Protein backbone atom coordinates (compact mmCIF):
# COMPACT_ATOMS: atom_id res chain seq x y z
CA MET A 1 15.29 7.51 1.13
CA LYS A 2 18.35 9.21 0.49
CA SER A 3 20.04 11.37 -2.00
CA SER A 4 23.08 13.27 -2.77
CA ALA A 5 21.04 16.82 -3.79
CA THR A 6 18.64 18.38 -1.06
CA HIS A 7 16.11 21.02 -1.57
CA PRO A 8 16.48 24.18 1.40
CA THR A 9 14.06 22.43 3.35
CA GLY A 10 15.99 19.22 3.54
CA LEU A 11 14.28 17.14 1.79
CA PRO A 12 15.67 15.25 -0.92
CA LEU A 13 15.48 16.57 -4.87
CA ARG A 14 13.75 13.55 -6.05
CA GLN A 15 11.59 13.00 -2.92
CA TRP A 16 9.21 10.17 -3.14
CA PHE A 17 9.88 8.20 -5.37
CA ALA A 18 7.61 10.13 -6.93
CA PHE A 19 5.16 8.09 -6.10
CA CYS A 20 7.17 7.46 -6.11
CA VAL A 21 6.64 7.25 -3.29
CA ALA A 22 4.96 6.31 -1.91
CA ALA A 23 5.79 6.43 -4.13
CA ALA A 24 4.55 6.33 -0.01
CA VAL A 25 7.22 6.21 -0.20
CA LEU A 26 6.56 5.76 -1.39
CA SER A 27 6.55 5.33 -5.45
CA GLN A 28 4.23 5.93 -3.84
CA THR A 29 3.73 7.47 -7.61
CA LEU A 30 2.45 4.24 -9.02
CA GLY A 31 2.19 6.10 -11.73
CA CYS A 32 -0.61 7.93 -10.54
CA THR A 33 -1.58 11.42 -9.85
CA SER A 34 -3.85 13.17 -7.21
CA VAL A 35 -4.96 15.27 -9.99
CA SER A 36 -7.56 14.39 -13.10
CA PRO A 37 -5.32 12.55 -15.77
CA PRO A 38 -6.47 12.25 -19.27
CA ALA A 39 -8.97 9.45 -20.18
CA SER A 40 -5.81 7.60 -21.87
CA ALA A 41 -4.00 7.52 -18.58
CA LEU A 42 -6.44 5.26 -17.24
CA ARG A 43 -6.43 2.44 -18.78
CA GLY A 44 -6.03 0.35 -15.17
CA PRO A 45 -9.06 -1.38 -14.03
CA SER A 46 -11.89 0.64 -12.85
CA ILE A 47 -15.50 0.29 -11.06
CA ALA A 48 -18.66 2.07 -11.53
CA ALA A 49 -20.79 2.23 -8.29
CA ALA A 50 -22.88 -0.96 -8.62
CA PRO A 51 -26.51 -0.97 -8.13
CA ALA A 52 -27.95 -2.73 -4.90
CA ALA A 53 -27.37 -6.66 -4.89
CA ALA A 54 -29.50 -9.41 -2.63
CA GLU A 55 -27.82 -9.78 0.62
CA SER A 56 -26.35 -13.13 -0.03
CA ALA A 57 -24.67 -12.31 -3.14
CA PRO A 58 -20.76 -12.66 -3.60
CA PRO A 59 -18.09 -9.92 -2.81
CA LEU A 60 -17.64 -8.02 -6.19
CA GLU A 61 -13.81 -8.30 -6.88
CA ILE A 62 -12.34 -5.73 -8.84
CA ALA A 63 -10.25 -7.10 -12.06
CA THR A 64 -6.55 -6.37 -10.84
CA PRO A 65 -3.64 -7.52 -13.57
CA SER A 66 -1.53 -10.17 -12.66
CA PHE A 67 2.43 -9.37 -11.43
CA ASP A 68 3.67 -9.51 -14.29
CA SER A 69 1.94 -6.90 -16.77
CA TRP A 70 2.63 -4.35 -13.49
CA GLN A 71 5.09 -1.38 -14.43
CA HIS A 72 8.27 -1.51 -12.71
CA TYR A 73 9.32 1.57 -11.68
CA GLN A 74 12.72 2.61 -10.97
CA LEU A 75 13.61 5.73 -8.98
CA PRO A 76 15.80 8.23 -10.23
CA GLY A 77 19.57 7.65 -8.79
CA LYS A 78 18.98 4.04 -7.36
CA GLN A 79 19.85 0.34 -7.63
CA ALA A 80 16.53 -1.40 -8.74
CA THR A 81 15.28 -3.87 -6.85
CA GLU A 82 14.89 -7.33 -8.83
CA PHE A 83 11.56 -8.63 -9.24
CA SER A 84 10.74 -11.84 -11.06
CA PHE A 85 7.50 -13.91 -11.41
CA ALA A 86 6.65 -17.45 -11.18
CA HIS A 87 4.59 -20.25 -8.97
CA LYS A 88 5.67 -20.64 -5.11
CA ASP A 89 3.65 -22.55 -3.20
CA GLY A 90 0.93 -23.29 -5.40
CA ARG A 91 0.53 -19.35 -5.73
CA MET A 92 1.31 -16.61 -8.56
CA VAL A 93 4.18 -14.61 -7.10
CA ALA A 94 6.34 -11.82 -7.52
CA ALA A 95 9.86 -12.26 -5.76
CA ALA A 96 11.98 -9.46 -4.89
CA VAL A 97 15.86 -9.43 -4.05
CA ALA A 98 16.79 -5.99 -3.04
CA ASN A 99 20.51 -5.46 -2.73
CA ALA A 100 21.01 -1.73 -1.61
CA SER A 101 18.36 -0.70 -3.71
CA ALA A 102 14.95 0.82 -4.56
CA SER A 103 12.17 -0.09 -6.57
CA MET A 104 8.58 -1.10 -7.31
CA LEU A 105 5.74 -2.72 -9.08
CA ARG A 106 2.87 -0.22 -9.28
CA GLN A 107 -0.33 -0.57 -11.60
CA PRO A 108 -2.94 2.17 -11.99
CA VAL A 109 -6.70 1.48 -11.02
CA ARG A 110 -9.63 3.52 -10.68
CA VAL A 111 -12.09 2.83 -7.58
CA GLU A 112 -14.23 5.63 -6.33
CA ALA A 113 -14.56 5.93 -3.04
CA ALA A 114 -17.76 5.07 -2.67
CA ASP A 115 -16.70 2.00 -4.10
CA LEU A 116 -13.46 0.92 -1.76
CA GLY A 117 -14.10 -2.31 -0.14
CA LYS A 118 -11.05 -4.66 0.82
CA ILE A 119 -7.95 -5.02 0.06
CA GLN A 120 -6.57 -9.02 0.31
CA PHE A 121 -2.46 -9.70 -0.01
CA SER A 122 -0.08 -11.82 1.39
CA TRP A 123 3.59 -11.85 1.48
CA LEU A 124 6.51 -14.53 2.27
CA VAL A 125 9.36 -12.51 4.42
CA PRO A 126 12.66 -14.61 5.23
CA GLN A 127 14.06 -12.50 7.65
CA LEU A 128 14.29 -8.67 8.81
CA ILE A 129 16.31 -6.29 7.50
CA GLU A 130 17.50 -5.79 11.47
CA GLN A 131 18.77 -1.97 10.99
CA ALA A 132 15.75 -0.64 9.71
CA ASP A 133 13.21 1.51 11.40
CA MET A 134 10.36 2.97 8.95
CA ALA A 135 10.46 6.57 11.33
CA VAL A 136 13.87 7.18 10.75
CA ARG A 137 15.13 8.77 7.37
CA GLN A 138 18.45 7.22 7.34
CA SER A 139 17.14 3.78 7.48
CA ASP A 140 13.53 3.75 5.91
CA ASP A 141 13.72 0.34 4.65
CA SER A 142 11.18 -2.14 4.17
CA PRO A 143 11.54 -6.06 3.36
CA VAL A 144 7.63 -5.77 1.95
CA ARG A 145 5.18 -2.46 1.33
CA VAL A 146 1.79 -2.77 -0.34
CA VAL A 147 1.23 0.58 -1.24
CA LEU A 148 -1.91 2.80 -2.21
CA ALA A 149 -2.34 5.81 -3.30
CA PHE A 150 -4.91 8.13 -3.41
CA GLU A 151 -6.67 11.24 -5.28
CA GLY A 152 -8.02 13.93 -3.09
CA ASP A 153 -8.05 18.13 -2.51
CA ARG A 154 -4.13 18.98 -3.00
CA SER A 155 -5.12 22.97 -1.94
CA LYS A 156 -4.80 21.21 0.99
CA PHE A 157 -1.16 20.68 1.18
CA SER A 158 1.30 22.65 3.14
CA MET A 159 3.82 24.68 1.95
CA LYS A 160 6.58 21.81 2.41
CA ASN A 161 4.34 18.98 0.73
CA ALA A 162 3.13 21.77 -2.36
CA MET A 163 6.87 22.50 -3.02
CA LEU A 164 7.69 18.69 -2.79
CA SER A 165 5.04 17.85 -5.27
CA GLU A 166 6.59 20.38 -7.93
CA LEU A 167 10.17 18.94 -6.72
CA SER A 168 8.81 15.62 -7.52
CA HIS A 169 6.74 16.28 -10.83
CA ALA A 170 10.02 18.56 -12.47
CA MET A 171 12.56 15.25 -10.99
CA THR A 172 10.16 12.71 -12.54
CA GLY A 173 7.31 13.92 -14.30
CA GLU A 174 4.68 12.96 -11.61
CA PRO A 175 3.47 14.90 -8.83
CA LEU A 176 3.17 13.89 -5.31
CA PRO A 177 -0.06 11.51 -4.96
CA TYR A 178 -2.29 13.37 -2.25
CA ALA A 179 -2.32 10.40 -0.19
CA THR A 180 -0.23 7.41 0.62
CA LEU A 181 -0.95 4.38 2.29
CA MET A 182 1.50 1.32 3.29
CA TYR A 183 1.13 -1.89 4.86
CA VAL A 184 4.42 -2.98 6.07
CA TRP A 185 5.93 -5.51 8.49
CA CYS A 186 8.10 -3.84 11.05
CA ASN A 187 10.99 -4.39 13.30
CA LYS A 188 9.05 -3.31 16.95
CA ARG A 189 6.33 -1.06 16.36
CA ALA A 190 2.75 -3.28 17.44
CA PRO A 191 0.78 -4.50 14.39
CA GLY A 192 -2.19 -1.38 13.83
CA SER A 193 0.34 1.03 14.67
CA VAL A 194 0.75 4.51 12.06
CA ILE A 195 3.94 5.52 11.14
CA ILE A 196 4.31 9.16 9.51
CA ASN A 197 6.99 8.77 6.63
CA PRO A 198 9.87 10.75 7.90
CA ARG A 199 9.87 13.19 4.67
CA THR A 200 6.32 13.60 4.07
CA ASP A 201 2.96 13.26 6.28
CA ARG A 202 1.56 12.37 2.58
CA ILE A 203 2.93 9.04 3.01
CA ARG A 204 1.55 6.81 6.04
CA LYS A 205 2.03 3.43 7.06
CA ILE A 206 0.11 1.15 8.72
CA VAL A 207 2.02 -1.50 10.70
CA VAL A 208 0.20 -4.76 10.01
CA GLN A 209 2.72 -7.39 10.86
CA SER A 210 6.02 -6.88 13.45
CA GLY A 211 8.92 -8.98 14.94
CA ALA A 212 10.30 -12.09 13.88
CA ASP A 213 6.58 -13.97 14.09
CA GLY A 214 5.71 -15.47 11.09
CA LEU A 215 8.84 -15.39 9.28
CA SER A 216 9.70 -18.00 6.69
CA ARG A 217 5.67 -18.91 6.06
CA TRP A 218 3.15 -16.79 3.83
CA GLN A 219 1.31 -14.36 6.02
CA ASP A 220 -2.07 -13.52 4.24
CA TYR A 221 -4.20 -10.21 5.16
CA GLU A 222 -7.43 -8.79 4.26
CA ARG A 223 -8.26 -5.05 5.14
CA ASN A 224 -10.70 -2.25 4.98
CA ILE A 225 -9.10 0.34 2.75
CA ARG A 226 -11.64 2.72 3.99
CA ALA A 227 -10.89 2.04 7.88
CA ASP A 228 -7.16 2.37 7.27
CA TYR A 229 -6.94 5.25 5.56
CA GLU A 230 -9.45 7.01 8.05
CA LYS A 231 -6.93 5.96 10.88
CA ALA A 232 -4.16 6.95 9.13
CA PHE A 233 -5.20 10.19 7.63
CA GLY A 234 -8.77 11.42 10.17
CA GLU A 235 -10.22 12.13 7.26
CA ALA A 236 -12.65 10.11 4.27
CA PRO A 237 -10.54 8.99 1.49
CA GLY A 238 -11.02 10.18 -2.33
CA ALA A 239 -10.63 7.70 -4.72
CA LEU A 240 -7.94 4.95 -4.99
CA VAL A 241 -5.90 5.41 -8.45
CA GLY A 242 -2.87 3.30 -7.96
CA ILE A 243 -1.73 0.28 -6.21
CA GLY A 244 2.18 -0.72 -5.59
CA ILE A 245 4.22 -3.27 -4.06
CA MET A 246 8.23 -2.38 -2.90
CA THR A 247 11.28 -4.13 -1.28
CA ASP A 248 13.68 -1.76 -0.15
CA THR A 249 17.39 -1.58 1.19
CA ASP A 250 18.92 1.61 -0.19
CA ASN A 251 19.31 3.36 3.21
CA THR A 252 20.32 0.16 5.25
CA ARG A 253 22.80 -0.84 2.25
CA THR A 254 22.06 -4.21 2.98
CA LEU A 255 20.50 -7.38 1.37
CA THR A 256 16.80 -9.11 1.76
CA ARG A 257 14.24 -10.43 -0.34
CA ALA A 258 10.10 -11.77 0.07
CA TRP A 259 7.29 -12.99 -2.27
CA TYR A 260 4.35 -10.97 -2.56
CA GLY A 261 1.08 -13.07 -3.40
CA GLN A 262 -1.39 -11.61 -5.54
CA LEU A 263 -3.31 -8.72 -4.65
CA HIS A 264 -6.92 -8.57 -4.62
CA LEU A 265 -9.59 -5.67 -4.31
CA ILE A 266 -12.91 -6.11 -3.39
CA ALA A 267 -15.44 -3.34 -3.95
CA ALA A 268 -18.03 -2.04 -0.82
CA LYS A 269 -21.48 -3.84 -0.79
């Protein structure tokens, strides 16, 4: 995302959106940090390790509040994307309209690494953002993003990421999450491609849809969170501490809209 003020490293001062990021972009702070928060901050849904279940038992879904109870996180210095809530095509949805804007809906959760299973999500996108390229800083926009924020060992941060986290904390009150994983729709890159955020490698995106195929139709996905995290970051994930959705056009200065179906988290068996 663009910013008029920069640090000597060349990074925007209010980087990430500090989830937000990511707040990975990528807000990607989802109101969640990668340090242990006080108990009062962990009001989101959580799951403890479950006892072994019979092989025929159905998957255990982790309770996730409806979008209308999520926090609308507005990024400092940015016009906010408009979110509204309604029924569409038999689904409860969050509708997003971005007009040269960027903000996100986010929800704290707590899913320990051992319990990470799958995420189910859906979206409807009428059109792509023609000028967007999520690998390029000046055009890093997307009609849809599903964002996951994770805990981890922040002592592993590079000097650049440690400085970025400190700046994020100073500007937004929230440090950079240890890792932010996003699911995105890309103009050209093939599904399965991993895009490293042009500002910080602690935000990485997995392309789940590419090109015009599927526009104006609901697209439904089920992804293995652990496998996707390991593919993107090359290591095992820590606890999942936040989820979010984000539609942004602040870099391309364009207008776009999208609809999101409710997210569902499924615990590992």
